[in-house]
Amino acid sequence: RVDHKLQALEAQFKELDFTKDNLTQKFE
């Protein structure tokens, strides 16, 4: 369960990173 949660958190962080990069590019 912990491993699944970590995987879910990792996926969320990747999505957040992608969103951040996308917003940064749009801002630039």
PDB file of all heavy atoms in Angstrom:
ATOM      1  N   ARG A   1       0.830  -1.202   0.000  1.00  0.00           N
ATOM      2  CA  ARG A   1       0.000   0.000   0.000  1.00  0.00           C
ATOM      3  C   ARG A   1       0.868   1.258   0.000  1.00  0.00           C
ATOM      4  O   ARG A   1       0.581   2.226  -0.702  1.00  0.00           O
ATOM      5  CB  ARG A   1      -0.923  -0.004   1.234  1.00  0.00           C
ATOM      6  CG  ARG A   1      -2.058  -1.013   1.147  1.00  0.00           C
ATOM      7  CD  ARG A   1      -3.137  -0.694   2.168  1.00  0.00           C
ATOM      8  NE  ARG A   1      -2.625  -0.817   3.532  1.00  0.00           N
ATOM      9  CZ  ARG A   1      -2.669  -1.929   4.248  1.00  0.00           C
ATOM     10  NH1 ARG A   1      -3.182  -3.039   3.711  1.00  0.00           N
ATOM     11  NH2 ARG A   1      -2.196  -1.959   5.478  1.00  0.00           N
ATOM     12  N   VAL A   2       1.928   1.211   0.793  1.00  0.00           N
ATOM     13  CA  VAL A   2       2.862   2.339   0.824  1.00  0.00           C
ATOM     14  C   VAL A   2       3.518   2.538  -0.539  1.00  0.00           C
ATOM     15  O   VAL A   2       3.658   3.661  -1.021  1.00  0.00           O
ATOM     16  CB  VAL A   2       3.938   2.126   1.912  1.00  0.00           C
ATOM     17  CG1 VAL A   2       5.031   3.193   1.800  1.00  0.00           C
ATOM     18  CG2 VAL A   2       3.310   2.161   3.293  1.00  0.00           C
ATOM     19  N   ASP A   3       3.896   1.409  -1.151  1.00  0.00           N
ATOM     20  CA  ASP A   3       4.531   1.469  -2.468  1.00  0.00           C
ATOM     21  C   ASP A   3       3.587   2.062  -3.502  1.00  0.00           C
ATOM     22  O   ASP A   3       3.985   2.880  -4.335  1.00  0.00           O
ATOM     23  CB  ASP A   3       4.975   0.066  -2.882  1.00  0.00           C
ATOM     24  CG  ASP A   3       5.795   0.091  -4.171  1.00  0.00           C
ATOM     25  OD1 ASP A   3       6.770   0.870  -4.232  1.00  0.00           O
ATOM     26  OD2 ASP A   3       5.451  -0.647  -5.114  1.00  0.00           O
ATOM     27  N   HIS A   4       2.316   1.636  -3.444  1.00  0.00           N
ATOM     28  CA  HIS A   4       1.317   2.166  -4.369  1.00  0.00           C
ATOM     29  C   HIS A   4       1.122   3.665  -4.163  1.00  0.00           C
ATOM     30  O   HIS A   4       0.994   4.426  -5.124  1.00  0.00           O
ATOM     31  CB  HIS A   4      -0.016   1.429  -4.182  1.00  0.00           C
ATOM     32  CG  HIS A   4       0.020   0.026  -4.697  1.00  0.00           C
ATOM     33  ND1 HIS A   4      -0.861  -0.956  -4.267  1.00  0.00           N
ATOM     34  CD2 HIS A   4       0.845  -0.597  -5.585  1.00  0.00           C
ATOM     35  CE1 HIS A   4      -0.597  -2.089  -4.877  1.00  0.00           C
ATOM     36  NE2 HIS A   4       0.448  -1.897  -5.680  1.00  0.00           N
ATOM     37  N   LYS A   5       1.100   4.059  -2.888  1.00  0.00           N
ATOM     38  CA  LYS A   5       0.938   5.478  -2.587  1.00  0.00           C
ATOM     39  C   LYS A   5       2.133   6.287  -3.090  1.00  0.00           C
ATOM     40  O   LYS A   5       1.985   7.389  -3.625  1.00  0.00           O
ATOM     41  CB  LYS A   5       0.768   5.687  -1.087  1.00  0.00           C
ATOM     42  CG  LYS A   5      -0.608   5.254  -0.560  1.00  0.00           C
ATOM     43  CD  LYS A   5      -0.742   5.548   0.922  1.00  0.00           C
ATOM     44  CE  LYS A   5      -2.127   5.155   1.434  1.00  0.00           C
ATOM     45  NZ  LYS A   5      -2.301   5.443   2.870  1.00  0.00           N
ATOM     46  N   LEU A   6       3.333   5.708  -2.920  1.00  0.00           N
ATOM     47  CA  LEU A   6       4.535   6.383  -3.409  1.00  0.00           C
ATOM     48  C   LEU A   6       4.516   6.526  -4.929  1.00  0.00           C
ATOM     49  O   LEU A   6       4.899   7.561  -5.475  1.00  0.00           O
ATOM     50  CB  LEU A   6       5.787   5.613  -2.967  1.00  0.00           C
ATOM     51  CG  LEU A   6       6.141   5.691  -1.479  1.00  0.00           C
ATOM     52  CD1 LEU A   6       7.315   4.765  -1.163  1.00  0.00           C
ATOM     53  CD2 LEU A   6       6.487   7.136  -1.091  1.00  0.00           C
ATOM     54  N   GLN A   7       4.049   5.458  -5.596  1.00  0.00           N
ATOM     55  CA  GLN A   7       3.949   5.498  -7.050  1.00  0.00           C
ATOM     56  C   GLN A   7       2.935   6.559  -7.495  1.00  0.00           C
ATOM     57  O   GLN A   7       3.162   7.297  -8.465  1.00  0.00           O
ATOM     58  CB  GLN A   7       3.549   4.128  -7.597  1.00  0.00           C
ATOM     59  CG  GLN A   7       4.652   3.079  -7.480  1.00  0.00           C
ATOM     60  CD  GLN A   7       4.224   1.726  -8.016  1.00  0.00           C
ATOM     61  OE1 GLN A   7       3.117   1.575  -8.546  1.00  0.00           O
ATOM     62  NE2 GLN A   7       5.084   0.721  -7.857  1.00  0.00           N
ATOM     63  N   ALA A   8       1.817   6.617  -6.745  1.00  0.00           N
ATOM     64  CA  ALA A   8       0.793   7.615  -7.054  1.00  0.00           C
ATOM     65  C   ALA A   8       1.334   9.025  -6.842  1.00  0.00           C
ATOM     66  O   ALA A   8       1.096   9.940  -7.652  1.00  0.00           O
ATOM     67  CB  ALA A   8      -0.446   7.381  -6.193  1.00  0.00           C
ATOM     68  N   LEU A   9       2.075   9.196  -5.735  1.00  0.00           N
ATOM     69  CA  LEU A   9       2.674  10.505  -5.456  1.00  0.00           C
ATOM     70  C   LEU A   9       3.703  10.878  -6.520  1.00  0.00           C
ATOM     71  O   LEU A   9       3.781  12.038  -6.951  1.00  0.00           O
ATOM     72  CB  LEU A   9       3.335  10.494  -4.075  1.00  0.00           C
ATOM     73  CG  LEU A   9       2.388  10.538  -2.865  1.00  0.00           C
ATOM     74  CD1 LEU A   9       3.169  10.322  -1.581  1.00  0.00           C
ATOM     75  CD2 LEU A   9       1.651  11.885  -2.824  1.00  0.00           C
ATOM     76  N   GLU A  10       4.474   9.899  -6.952  1.00  0.00           N
ATOM     77  CA  GLU A  10       5.479  10.141  -7.990  1.00  0.00           C
ATOM     78  C   GLU A  10       4.808  10.583  -9.292  1.00  0.00           C
ATOM     79  O   GLU A  10       5.276  11.517  -9.958  1.00  0.00           O
ATOM     80  CB  GLU A  10       6.300   8.874  -8.232  1.00  0.00           C
ATOM     81  CG  GLU A  10       7.436   9.075  -9.228  1.00  0.00           C
ATOM     82  CD  GLU A  10       8.259   7.815  -9.426  1.00  0.00           C
ATOM     83  OE1 GLU A  10       7.928   6.780  -8.823  1.00  0.00           O
ATOM     84  OE2 GLU A  10       9.229   7.875 -10.202  1.00  0.00           O
ATOM     85  N   ALA A  11       3.691   9.910  -9.629  1.00  0.00           N
ATOM     86  CA  ALA A  11       2.950  10.278 -10.836  1.00  0.00           C
ATOM     87  C   ALA A  11       2.395  11.703 -10.705  1.00  0.00           C
ATOM     88  O   ALA A  11       2.425  12.479 -11.661  1.00  0.00           O
ATOM     89  CB  ALA A  11       1.812   9.291 -11.076  1.00  0.00           C
ATOM     90  N   GLN A  12       1.912  12.042  -9.505  1.00  0.00           N
ATOM     91  CA  GLN A  12       1.384  13.386  -9.277  1.00  0.00           C
ATOM     92  C   GLN A  12       2.477  14.441  -9.394  1.00  0.00           C
ATOM     93  O   GLN A  12       2.267  15.521  -9.964  1.00  0.00           O
ATOM     94  CB  GLN A  12       0.730  13.463  -7.896  1.00  0.00           C
ATOM     95  CG  GLN A  12      -0.585  12.694  -7.794  1.00  0.00           C
ATOM     96  CD  GLN A  12      -1.180  12.763  -6.396  1.00  0.00           C
ATOM     97  OE1 GLN A  12      -0.606  13.371  -5.499  1.00  0.00           O
ATOM     98  NE2 GLN A  12      -2.319  12.118  -6.222  1.00  0.00           N
ATOM     99  N   PHE A  13       3.654  14.102  -8.838  1.00  0.00           N
ATOM    100  CA  PHE A  13       4.771  15.040  -8.929  1.00  0.00           C
ATOM    101  C   PHE A  13       5.207  15.249 -10.385  1.00  0.00           C
ATOM    102  O   PHE A  13       5.531  16.364 -10.793  1.00  0.00           O
ATOM    103  CB  PHE A  13       5.949  14.553  -8.097  1.00  0.00           C
ATOM    104  CG  PHE A  13       5.853  14.908  -6.635  1.00  0.00           C
ATOM    105  CD1 PHE A  13       5.848  13.918  -5.659  1.00  0.00           C
ATOM    106  CD2 PHE A  13       5.737  16.229  -6.236  1.00  0.00           C
ATOM    107  CE1 PHE A  13       5.743  14.251  -4.317  1.00  0.00           C
ATOM    108  CE2 PHE A  13       5.635  16.570  -4.896  1.00  0.00           C
ATOM    109  CZ  PHE A  13       5.633  15.579  -3.929  1.00  0.00           C
ATOM    110  N   LYS A  14       5.215  14.156 -11.158  1.00  0.00           N
ATOM    111  CA  LYS A  14       5.575  14.266 -12.567  1.00  0.00           C
ATOM    112  C   LYS A  14       4.575  15.149 -13.306  1.00  0.00           C
ATOM    113  O   LYS A  14       4.942  15.976 -14.142  1.00  0.00           O
ATOM    114  CB  LYS A  14       5.631  12.882 -13.211  1.00  0.00           C
ATOM    115  CG  LYS A  14       6.848  12.068 -12.814  1.00  0.00           C
ATOM    116  CD  LYS A  14       6.862  10.733 -13.527  1.00  0.00           C
ATOM    117  CE  LYS A  14       8.107   9.917 -13.144  1.00  0.00           C
ATOM    118  NZ  LYS A  14       8.128   8.595 -13.824  1.00  0.00           N
ATOM    119  N   GLU A  15       3.290  14.949 -12.981  1.00  0.00           N
ATOM    120  CA  GLU A  15       2.249  15.756 -13.607  1.00  0.00           C
ATOM    121  C   GLU A  15       2.391  17.221 -13.211  1.00  0.00           C
ATOM    122  O   GLU A  15       2.234  18.125 -14.042  1.00  0.00           O
ATOM    123  CB  GLU A  15       0.865  15.231 -13.196  1.00  0.00           C
ATOM    124  CG  GLU A  15      -0.281  15.947 -13.906  1.00  0.00           C
ATOM    125  CD  GLU A  15      -1.632  15.352 -13.560  1.00  0.00           C
ATOM    126  OE1 GLU A  15      -1.665  14.292 -12.911  1.00  0.00           O
ATOM    127  OE2 GLU A  15      -2.647  15.954 -13.934  1.00  0.00           O
ATOM    128  N   LEU A  16       2.718  17.452 -11.939  1.00  0.00           N
ATOM    129  CA  LEU A  16       2.919  18.824 -11.465  1.00  0.00           C
ATOM    130  C   LEU A  16       4.128  19.464 -12.147  1.00  0.00           C
ATOM    131  O   LEU A  16       4.099  20.647 -12.510  1.00  0.00           O
ATOM    132  CB  LEU A  16       3.104  18.838  -9.946  1.00  0.00           C
ATOM    133  CG  LEU A  16       1.842  18.591  -9.110  1.00  0.00           C
ATOM    134  CD1 LEU A  16       2.206  18.444  -7.635  1.00  0.00           C
ATOM    135  CD2 LEU A  16       0.851  19.736  -9.300  1.00  0.00           C
ATOM    136  N   ASP A  17       5.198  18.675 -12.320  1.00  0.00           N
ATOM    137  CA  ASP A  17       6.393  19.184 -13.003  1.00  0.00           C
ATOM    138  C   ASP A  17       6.064  19.558 -14.446  1.00  0.00           C
ATOM    139  O   ASP A  17       6.517  20.591 -14.957  1.00  0.00           O
ATOM    140  CB  ASP A  17       7.510  18.131 -12.981  1.00  0.00           C
ATOM    141  CG  ASP A  17       8.212  18.088 -11.637  1.00  0.00           C
ATOM    142  OD1 ASP A  17       8.108  19.077 -10.886  1.00  0.00           O
ATOM    143  OD2 ASP A  17       8.856  17.065 -11.337  1.00  0.00           O
ATOM    144  N   PHE A  18       5.276  18.664 -15.100  1.00  0.00           N
ATOM    145  CA  PHE A  18       4.884  18.925 -16.481  1.00  0.00           C
ATOM    146  C   PHE A  18       4.047  20.200 -16.562  1.00  0.00           C
ATOM    147  O   PHE A  18       4.247  21.043 -17.443  1.00  0.00           O
ATOM    148  CB  PHE A  18       4.088  17.738 -17.033  1.00  0.00           C
ATOM    149  CG  PHE A  18       3.549  17.962 -18.422  1.00  0.00           C
ATOM    150  CD1 PHE A  18       4.370  17.865 -19.525  1.00  0.00           C
ATOM    151  CD2 PHE A  18       2.208  18.296 -18.609  1.00  0.00           C
ATOM    152  CE1 PHE A  18       3.870  18.083 -20.810  1.00  0.00           C
ATOM    153  CE2 PHE A  18       1.707  18.515 -19.880  1.00  0.00           C
ATOM    154  CZ  PHE A  18       2.540  18.409 -20.976  1.00  0.00           C
ATOM    155  N   THR A  19       3.095  20.332 -15.635  1.00  0.00           N
ATOM    156  CA  THR A  19       2.242  21.516 -15.599  1.00  0.00           C
ATOM    157  C   THR A  19       3.067  22.775 -15.358  1.00  0.00           C
ATOM    158  O   THR A  19       2.861  23.819 -15.982  1.00  0.00           O
ATOM    159  CB  THR A  19       1.176  21.389 -14.495  1.00  0.00           C
ATOM    160  OG1 THR A  19       0.396  20.209 -14.730  1.00  0.00           O
ATOM    161  CG2 THR A  19       0.262  22.602 -14.472  1.00  0.00           C
ATOM    162  N   LYS A  20       4.032  22.649 -14.422  1.00  0.00           N
ATOM    163  CA  LYS A  20       4.903  23.792 -14.119  1.00  0.00           C
ATOM    164  C   LYS A  20       5.712  24.201 -15.341  1.00  0.00           C
ATOM    165  O   LYS A  20       5.798  25.394 -15.673  1.00  0.00           O
ATOM    166  CB  LYS A  20       5.840  23.435 -12.972  1.00  0.00           C
ATOM    167  CG  LYS A  20       6.764  24.579 -12.545  1.00  0.00           C
ATOM    168  CD  LYS A  20       7.962  24.071 -11.773  1.00  0.00           C
ATOM    169  CE  LYS A  20       8.904  23.323 -12.704  1.00  0.00           C
ATOM    170  NZ  LYS A  20      10.177  22.929 -12.048  1.00  0.00           N
ATOM    171  N   ASP A  21       6.311  23.206 -16.037  1.00  0.00           N
ATOM    172  CA  ASP A  21       7.102  23.501 -17.225  1.00  0.00           C
ATOM    173  C   ASP A  21       6.235  24.132 -18.312  1.00  0.00           C
ATOM    174  O   ASP A  21       6.666  25.056 -19.015  1.00  0.00           O
ATOM    175  CB  ASP A  21       7.751  22.222 -17.759  1.00  0.00           C
ATOM    176  CG  ASP A  21       8.825  21.688 -16.821  1.00  0.00           C
ATOM    177  OD1 ASP A  21       9.302  22.470 -15.977  1.00  0.00           O
ATOM    178  OD2 ASP A  21       9.164  20.500 -16.923  1.00  0.00           O
ATOM    179  N   ASN A  22       5.022  23.591 -18.456  1.00  0.00           N
ATOM    180  CA  ASN A  22       4.102  24.104 -19.473  1.00  0.00           C
ATOM    181  C   ASN A  22       3.738  25.561 -19.179  1.00  0.00           C
ATOM    182  O   ASN A  22       3.731  26.420 -20.068  1.00  0.00           O
ATOM    183  CB  ASN A  22       2.839  23.245 -19.509  1.00  0.00           C
ATOM    184  CG  ASN A  22       1.984  23.537 -20.732  1.00  0.00           C
ATOM    185  OD1 ASN A  22       2.492  23.933 -21.768  1.00  0.00           O
ATOM    186  ND2 ASN A  22       0.686  23.333 -20.609  1.00  0.00           N
ATOM    187  N   LEU A  23       3.430  25.842 -17.911  1.00  0.00           N
ATOM    188  CA  LEU A  23       3.081  27.209 -17.506  1.00  0.00           C
ATOM    189  C   LEU A  23       4.273  28.151 -17.668  1.00  0.00           C
ATOM    190  O   LEU A  23       4.111  29.302 -18.073  1.00  0.00           O
ATOM    191  CB  LEU A  23       2.597  27.215 -16.050  1.00  0.00           C
ATOM    192  CG  LEU A  23       1.208  26.615 -15.800  1.00  0.00           C
ATOM    193  CD1 LEU A  23       0.937  26.539 -14.306  1.00  0.00           C
ATOM    194  CD2 LEU A  23       0.129  27.432 -16.493  1.00  0.00           C
ATOM    195  N   THR A  24       5.461  27.635 -17.347  1.00  0.00           N
ATOM    196  CA  THR A  24       6.678  28.446 -17.487  1.00  0.00           C
ATOM    197  C   THR A  24       6.909  28.819 -18.948  1.00  0.00           C
ATOM    198  O   THR A  24       7.232  29.972 -19.261  1.00  0.00           O
ATOM    199  CB  THR A  24       7.902  27.684 -16.953  1.00  0.00           C
ATOM    200  OG1 THR A  24       7.703  27.382 -15.566  1.00  0.00           O
ATOM    201  CG2 THR A  24       9.165  28.515 -17.110  1.00  0.00           C
ATOM    202  N   GLN A  25       6.729  27.843 -19.851  1.00  0.00           N
ATOM    203  CA  GLN A  25       6.901  28.099 -21.276  1.00  0.00           C
ATOM    204  C   GLN A  25       5.884  29.116 -21.782  1.00  0.00           C
ATOM    205  O   GLN A  25       6.218  30.022 -22.553  1.00  0.00           O
ATOM    206  CB  GLN A  25       6.775  26.795 -22.066  1.00  0.00           C
ATOM    207  CG  GLN A  25       7.942  25.839 -21.861  1.00  0.00           C
ATOM    208  CD  GLN A  25       7.769  24.536 -22.616  1.00  0.00           C
ATOM    209  OE1 GLN A  25       6.770  24.339 -23.301  1.00  0.00           O
ATOM    210  NE2 GLN A  25       8.730  23.634 -22.477  1.00  0.00           N
ATOM    211  N   LYS A  26       4.635  28.961 -21.327  1.00  0.00           N
ATOM    212  CA  LYS A  26       3.591  29.896 -21.740  1.00  0.00           C
ATOM    213  C   LYS A  26       3.894  31.302 -21.223  1.00  0.00           C
ATOM    214  O   LYS A  26       3.697  32.294 -21.932  1.00  0.00           O
ATOM    215  CB  LYS A  26       2.225  29.432 -21.214  1.00  0.00           C
ATOM    216  CG  LYS A  26       1.659  28.225 -21.944  1.00  0.00           C
ATOM    217  CD  LYS A  26       0.282  27.866 -21.422  1.00  0.00           C
ATOM    218  CE  LYS A  26      -0.297  26.688 -22.199  1.00  0.00           C
ATOM    219  NZ  LYS A  26      -1.652  26.317 -21.704  1.00  0.00           N
ATOM    220  N   PHE A  27       4.380  31.365 -19.993  1.00  0.00           N
ATOM    221  CA  PHE A  27       4.711  32.660 -19.404  1.00  0.00           C
ATOM    222  C   PHE A  27       5.853  33.321 -20.170  1.00  0.00           C
ATOM    223  O   PHE A  27       5.806  34.522 -20.469  1.00  0.00           O
ATOM    224  CB  PHE A  27       5.096  32.475 -17.935  1.00  0.00           C
ATOM    225  CG  PHE A  27       5.557  33.746 -17.266  1.00  0.00           C
ATOM    226  CD1 PHE A  27       4.642  34.710 -16.874  1.00  0.00           C
ATOM    227  CD2 PHE A  27       6.907  33.976 -17.049  1.00  0.00           C
ATOM    228  CE1 PHE A  27       5.060  35.889 -16.269  1.00  0.00           C
ATOM    229  CE2 PHE A  27       7.337  35.149 -16.451  1.00  0.00           C
ATOM    230  CZ  PHE A  27       6.408  36.114 -16.056  1.00  0.00           C
ATOM    231  N   GLU A  28       6.889  32.527 -20.493  1.00  0.00           N
ATOM    232  CA  GLU A  28       8.031  33.065 -21.227  1.00  0.00           C
ATOM    233  C   GLU A  28       7.604  33.541 -22.609  1.00  0.00           C
ATOM    234  O   GLU A  28       8.041  34.597 -23.086  1.00  0.00           O
ATOM    235  CB  GLU A  28       9.132  32.010 -21.331  1.00  0.00           C
ATOM    236  CG  GLU A  28       9.808  31.704 -19.997  1.00  0.00           C
ATOM    237  CD  GLU A  28      10.825  30.581 -20.110  1.00  0.00           C
ATOM    238  OE1 GLU A  28      10.843  29.910 -21.165  1.00  0.00           O
ATOM    239  OE2 GLU A  28      11.581  30.364 -19.147  1.00  0.00           O
TER     240      GLU A  28
END
